[in-house]
Amino acid sequence: MSYTYICQFDVAPGKELEFEHSYGANGDGVTLFKTDPLYIEIELFRDMQHSDRCVTIDRWKIREAYLAFKQHHRMEFDALDVQCDALTVHEILLGKYESVE
């Protein structure tokens, strides 16, 4: 079983490269997540019709691992949020999913 959450971002004008660097596979958040053995990966997608819109798909082995990690690293998460707020105009959680396997 795995846990996945998907977010959509409208990237601030002129911040596309910074956003891709921050939210991509080697971004600051991923560097933090990789310290947990139950973290799997993040994927970053750019909308083909709206180049300022991106979607991230984050995967963890189990939901509880993600929640515990987020709680344990609250200060780091808050700092990343502040740092990345300037890169986006809008963010929306599209959904949280558990695999059915």
N, C-alpha and C. Protein backbone atom coordinates (compact mmCIF):
# COMPACT_ATOMS: atom_id res chain seq x y z
N MET A 1 0.85 -1.18 0.00
CA MET A 1 0.00 0.00 0.00
C MET A 1 0.89 1.23 0.00
N SER A 2 0.41 2.31 -0.61
CA SER A 2 1.14 3.57 -0.58
C SER A 2 0.15 4.73 -0.45
N TYR A 3 0.68 5.87 -0.07
CA TYR A 3 -0.11 7.09 0.12
C TYR A 3 0.39 8.14 -0.86
N THR A 4 -0.53 8.78 -1.55
CA THR A 4 -0.20 9.79 -2.55
C THR A 4 -1.04 11.03 -2.34
N TYR A 5 -0.43 12.19 -2.43
CA TYR A 5 -1.21 13.42 -2.44
C TYR A 5 -0.78 14.27 -3.62
N ILE A 6 -1.79 14.95 -4.21
CA ILE A 6 -1.57 15.69 -5.44
C ILE A 6 -1.98 17.15 -5.22
N CYS A 7 -1.08 18.06 -5.59
CA CYS A 7 -1.34 19.49 -5.45
C CYS A 7 -1.15 20.18 -6.80
N GLN A 8 -1.97 21.20 -7.02
CA GLN A 8 -1.85 22.03 -8.22
C GLN A 8 -1.38 23.41 -7.80
N PHE A 9 -0.46 23.97 -8.59
CA PHE A 9 0.09 25.28 -8.31
C PHE A 9 -0.03 26.17 -9.53
N ASP A 10 -0.42 27.41 -9.33
CA ASP A 10 -0.29 28.44 -10.35
C ASP A 10 0.97 29.20 -9.98
N VAL A 11 1.96 29.10 -10.85
CA VAL A 11 3.29 29.64 -10.57
C VAL A 11 3.31 31.15 -10.84
N ALA A 12 3.96 31.89 -9.97
CA ALA A 12 4.07 33.35 -10.13
C ALA A 12 4.84 33.67 -11.40
N PRO A 13 4.43 34.72 -12.11
CA PRO A 13 5.11 35.11 -13.35
C PRO A 13 6.61 35.33 -13.12
N GLY A 14 7.41 34.74 -14.00
CA GLY A 14 8.85 34.87 -13.91
C GLY A 14 9.52 33.97 -12.90
N LYS A 15 8.74 33.16 -12.19
CA LYS A 15 9.29 32.30 -11.14
C LYS A 15 9.29 30.82 -11.54
N GLU A 16 9.04 30.53 -12.82
CA GLU A 16 8.90 29.15 -13.27
C GLU A 16 10.14 28.29 -12.99
N LEU A 17 11.31 28.80 -13.31
CA LEU A 17 12.53 28.02 -13.08
C LEU A 17 12.81 27.80 -11.60
N GLU A 18 12.61 28.84 -10.81
CA GLU A 18 12.78 28.69 -9.36
C GLU A 18 11.80 27.67 -8.80
N PHE A 19 10.56 27.73 -9.27
CA PHE A 19 9.55 26.79 -8.80
C PHE A 19 9.96 25.37 -9.16
N GLU A 20 10.36 25.15 -10.40
CA GLU A 20 10.75 23.81 -10.83
C GLU A 20 11.94 23.31 -10.02
N HIS A 21 12.86 24.19 -9.71
CA HIS A 21 14.01 23.80 -8.89
C HIS A 21 13.57 23.44 -7.47
N SER A 22 12.70 24.25 -6.89
CA SER A 22 12.28 24.03 -5.51
C SER A 22 11.37 22.80 -5.34
N TYR A 23 10.49 22.58 -6.31
CA TYR A 23 9.50 21.52 -6.18
C TYR A 23 9.86 20.26 -6.95
N GLY A 24 10.94 20.27 -7.68
CA GLY A 24 11.34 19.11 -8.47
C GLY A 24 11.99 18.03 -7.62
N ALA A 25 12.48 17.02 -8.30
CA ALA A 25 13.02 15.82 -7.65
C ALA A 25 14.22 16.09 -6.74
N ASN A 26 14.90 17.22 -6.92
CA ASN A 26 16.04 17.53 -6.06
C ASN A 26 15.83 18.82 -5.28
N GLY A 27 14.58 19.22 -5.12
CA GLY A 27 14.26 20.45 -4.41
C GLY A 27 14.48 20.36 -2.91
N ASP A 28 14.32 21.50 -2.25
CA ASP A 28 14.55 21.57 -0.81
C ASP A 28 13.62 20.66 -0.02
N GLY A 29 12.35 20.59 -0.43
CA GLY A 29 11.41 19.72 0.27
C GLY A 29 11.79 18.26 0.14
N VAL A 30 12.20 17.88 -1.05
CA VAL A 30 12.59 16.49 -1.29
C VAL A 30 13.85 16.14 -0.49
N THR A 31 14.76 17.08 -0.41
CA THR A 31 15.96 16.85 0.39
C THR A 31 15.58 16.52 1.83
N LEU A 32 14.60 17.24 2.35
CA LEU A 32 14.11 16.96 3.70
C LEU A 32 13.39 15.61 3.75
N PHE A 33 12.50 15.35 2.79
CA PHE A 33 11.74 14.10 2.79
C PHE A 33 12.64 12.88 2.69
N LYS A 34 13.71 12.98 1.92
CA LYS A 34 14.59 11.83 1.70
C LYS A 34 15.26 11.32 2.97
N THR A 35 15.17 12.10 4.05
CA THR A 35 15.73 11.63 5.32
C THR A 35 14.85 10.56 5.95
N ASP A 36 13.64 10.37 5.43
CA ASP A 36 12.72 9.36 5.96
C ASP A 36 12.69 8.15 5.03
N PRO A 37 12.95 6.96 5.54
CA PRO A 37 12.97 5.77 4.69
C PRO A 37 11.60 5.40 4.11
N LEU A 38 10.52 5.99 4.62
CA LEU A 38 9.19 5.68 4.11
C LEU A 38 8.72 6.65 3.02
N TYR A 39 9.55 7.62 2.70
CA TYR A 39 9.28 8.52 1.59
C TYR A 39 9.65 7.81 0.29
N ILE A 40 8.80 7.94 -0.74
CA ILE A 40 9.08 7.28 -2.02
C ILE A 40 9.60 8.28 -3.04
N GLU A 41 8.78 9.29 -3.42
CA GLU A 41 9.21 10.21 -4.48
C GLU A 41 8.24 11.37 -4.63
N ILE A 42 8.68 12.34 -5.41
CA ILE A 42 7.82 13.42 -5.89
C ILE A 42 7.97 13.47 -7.40
N GLU A 43 6.87 13.75 -8.07
CA GLU A 43 6.91 13.99 -9.51
C GLU A 43 6.31 15.37 -9.75
N LEU A 44 6.91 16.10 -10.67
CA LEU A 44 6.47 17.45 -11.01
C LEU A 44 6.07 17.47 -12.47
N PHE A 45 4.86 17.97 -12.74
CA PHE A 45 4.34 18.04 -14.10
C PHE A 45 3.94 19.47 -14.42
N ARG A 46 4.24 19.91 -15.64
CA ARG A 46 3.81 21.22 -16.12
C ARG A 46 2.63 21.02 -17.06
N ASP A 47 1.60 21.82 -16.90
CA ASP A 47 0.41 21.77 -17.76
C ASP A 47 0.81 22.15 -19.18
N MET A 48 0.41 21.34 -20.15
CA MET A 48 0.80 21.59 -21.54
C MET A 48 0.04 22.76 -22.16
N GLN A 49 -1.10 23.14 -21.59
CA GLN A 49 -1.86 24.26 -22.12
C GLN A 49 -1.67 25.55 -21.34
N HIS A 50 -1.23 25.43 -20.09
CA HIS A 50 -1.02 26.59 -19.22
C HIS A 50 0.36 26.45 -18.59
N SER A 51 1.36 27.04 -19.19
CA SER A 51 2.74 26.82 -18.74
C SER A 51 3.01 27.34 -17.33
N ASP A 52 2.11 28.14 -16.79
CA ASP A 52 2.29 28.65 -15.43
C ASP A 52 1.60 27.75 -14.39
N ARG A 53 1.07 26.62 -14.82
CA ARG A 53 0.38 25.70 -13.92
C ARG A 53 1.16 24.39 -13.83
N CYS A 54 1.37 23.93 -12.60
CA CYS A 54 2.08 22.68 -12.36
C CYS A 54 1.31 21.82 -11.36
N VAL A 55 1.61 20.54 -11.39
CA VAL A 55 1.04 19.58 -10.46
C VAL A 55 2.19 18.78 -9.85
N THR A 56 2.12 18.57 -8.55
CA THR A 56 3.08 17.69 -7.88
C THR A 56 2.34 16.46 -7.39
N ILE A 57 3.01 15.33 -7.49
CA ILE A 57 2.48 14.07 -6.97
C ILE A 57 3.52 13.54 -5.99
N ASP A 58 3.16 13.54 -4.72
CA ASP A 58 4.07 13.06 -3.67
C ASP A 58 3.61 11.68 -3.22
N ARG A 59 4.60 10.79 -3.04
CA ARG A 59 4.28 9.42 -2.63
C ARG A 59 5.08 9.02 -1.39
N TRP A 60 4.36 8.40 -0.49
CA TRP A 60 4.93 7.84 0.73
C TRP A 60 4.46 6.39 0.84
N LYS A 61 5.18 5.59 1.59
CA LYS A 61 4.79 4.18 1.72
C LYS A 61 3.47 4.04 2.47
N ILE A 62 3.28 4.86 3.50
CA ILE A 62 2.01 4.86 4.24
C ILE A 62 1.68 6.27 4.69
N ARG A 63 0.40 6.55 4.81
CA ARG A 63 -0.08 7.88 5.20
C ARG A 63 0.46 8.30 6.56
N GLU A 64 0.46 7.37 7.49
CA GLU A 64 0.89 7.67 8.86
C GLU A 64 2.34 8.14 8.90
N ALA A 65 3.17 7.61 8.01
CA ALA A 65 4.58 8.03 7.95
C ALA A 65 4.66 9.49 7.53
N TYR A 66 3.88 9.87 6.52
CA TYR A 66 3.86 11.26 6.06
C TYR A 66 3.39 12.19 7.19
N LEU A 67 2.29 11.83 7.85
CA LEU A 67 1.75 12.68 8.91
C LEU A 67 2.72 12.83 10.07
N ALA A 68 3.36 11.73 10.46
CA ALA A 68 4.33 11.77 11.57
C ALA A 68 5.54 12.61 11.18
N PHE A 69 6.00 12.43 9.94
CA PHE A 69 7.15 13.20 9.47
C PHE A 69 6.83 14.69 9.45
N LYS A 70 5.67 15.02 8.93
CA LYS A 70 5.26 16.42 8.85
C LYS A 70 5.15 17.04 10.25
N GLN A 71 4.62 16.29 11.20
CA GLN A 71 4.49 16.80 12.56
C GLN A 71 5.87 16.95 13.21
N HIS A 72 6.71 15.97 13.03
CA HIS A 72 8.04 15.98 13.64
C HIS A 72 8.92 17.10 13.06
N HIS A 73 8.70 17.43 11.79
CA HIS A 73 9.50 18.44 11.11
C HIS A 73 8.70 19.71 10.83
N ARG A 74 7.80 20.05 11.73
CA ARG A 74 6.90 21.20 11.56
C ARG A 74 7.65 22.48 11.24
N MET A 75 8.72 22.76 11.97
CA MET A 75 9.46 24.01 11.76
C MET A 75 10.08 24.07 10.37
N GLU A 76 10.63 22.95 9.90
CA GLU A 76 11.22 22.90 8.57
C GLU A 76 10.14 23.09 7.49
N PHE A 77 8.96 22.45 7.69
CA PHE A 77 7.85 22.60 6.75
C PHE A 77 7.40 24.04 6.68
N ASP A 78 7.26 24.69 7.84
CA ASP A 78 6.83 26.09 7.87
C ASP A 78 7.83 26.98 7.15
N ALA A 79 9.12 26.74 7.36
CA ALA A 79 10.16 27.53 6.69
C ALA A 79 10.10 27.34 5.17
N LEU A 80 9.88 26.10 4.72
CA LEU A 80 9.76 25.84 3.29
C LEU A 80 8.54 26.53 2.70
N ASP A 81 7.42 26.52 3.45
CA ASP A 81 6.21 27.20 2.98
C ASP A 81 6.46 28.69 2.77
N VAL A 82 7.10 29.31 3.73
CA VAL A 82 7.40 30.75 3.62
C VAL A 82 8.32 31.00 2.42
N GLN A 83 9.33 30.17 2.27
CA GLN A 83 10.29 30.32 1.17
C GLN A 83 9.60 30.16 -0.18
N CYS A 84 8.66 29.23 -0.28
CA CYS A 84 8.04 28.91 -1.57
C CYS A 84 6.79 29.73 -1.86
N ASP A 85 6.25 30.43 -0.88
CA ASP A 85 5.06 31.26 -1.11
C ASP A 85 5.27 32.29 -2.22
N ALA A 86 6.47 32.82 -2.31
CA ALA A 86 6.75 33.84 -3.32
C ALA A 86 6.80 33.26 -4.74
N LEU A 87 6.83 31.94 -4.84
CA LEU A 87 6.93 31.29 -6.15
C LEU A 87 5.58 30.97 -6.76
N THR A 88 4.52 31.08 -5.96
CA THR A 88 3.20 30.68 -6.45
C THR A 88 2.16 31.77 -6.22
N VAL A 89 1.14 31.74 -7.06
CA VAL A 89 0.01 32.65 -6.93
C VAL A 89 -1.13 31.94 -6.22
N HIS A 90 -1.25 30.64 -6.50
CA HIS A 90 -2.36 29.86 -5.95
C HIS A 90 -1.92 28.41 -5.82
N GLU A 91 -2.39 27.77 -4.73
CA GLU A 91 -2.12 26.35 -4.51
C GLU A 91 -3.41 25.68 -4.07
N ILE A 92 -3.66 24.50 -4.60
CA ILE A 92 -4.84 23.75 -4.20
C ILE A 92 -4.50 22.28 -4.09
N LEU A 93 -4.97 21.66 -3.03
CA LEU A 93 -4.81 20.22 -2.85
C LEU A 93 -5.87 19.54 -3.71
N LEU A 94 -5.44 18.76 -4.68
CA LEU A 94 -6.38 18.07 -5.57
C LEU A 94 -6.90 16.78 -4.98
N GLY A 95 -6.14 16.17 -4.09
CA GLY A 95 -6.62 14.94 -3.46
C GLY A 95 -5.55 14.19 -2.73
N LYS A 96 -6.02 13.30 -1.86
CA LYS A 96 -5.16 12.39 -1.10
C LYS A 96 -5.65 10.99 -1.40
N TYR A 97 -4.72 10.08 -1.71
CA TYR A 97 -5.09 8.76 -2.18
C TYR A 97 -4.26 7.67 -1.52
N GLU A 98 -4.90 6.53 -1.29
CA GLU A 98 -4.19 5.34 -0.87
C GLU A 98 -4.35 4.29 -1.95
N SER A 99 -3.28 3.56 -2.21
CA SER A 99 -3.36 2.53 -3.23
C SER A 99 -4.30 1.43 -2.76
N VAL A 100 -4.87 0.72 -3.70
CA VAL A 100 -5.82 -0.34 -3.37
C VAL A 100 -5.20 -1.72 -3.54
N GLU A 101 -3.93 -1.77 -3.71
CA GLU A 101 -3.23 -3.05 -3.89
C GLU A 101 -3.09 -3.77 -2.59
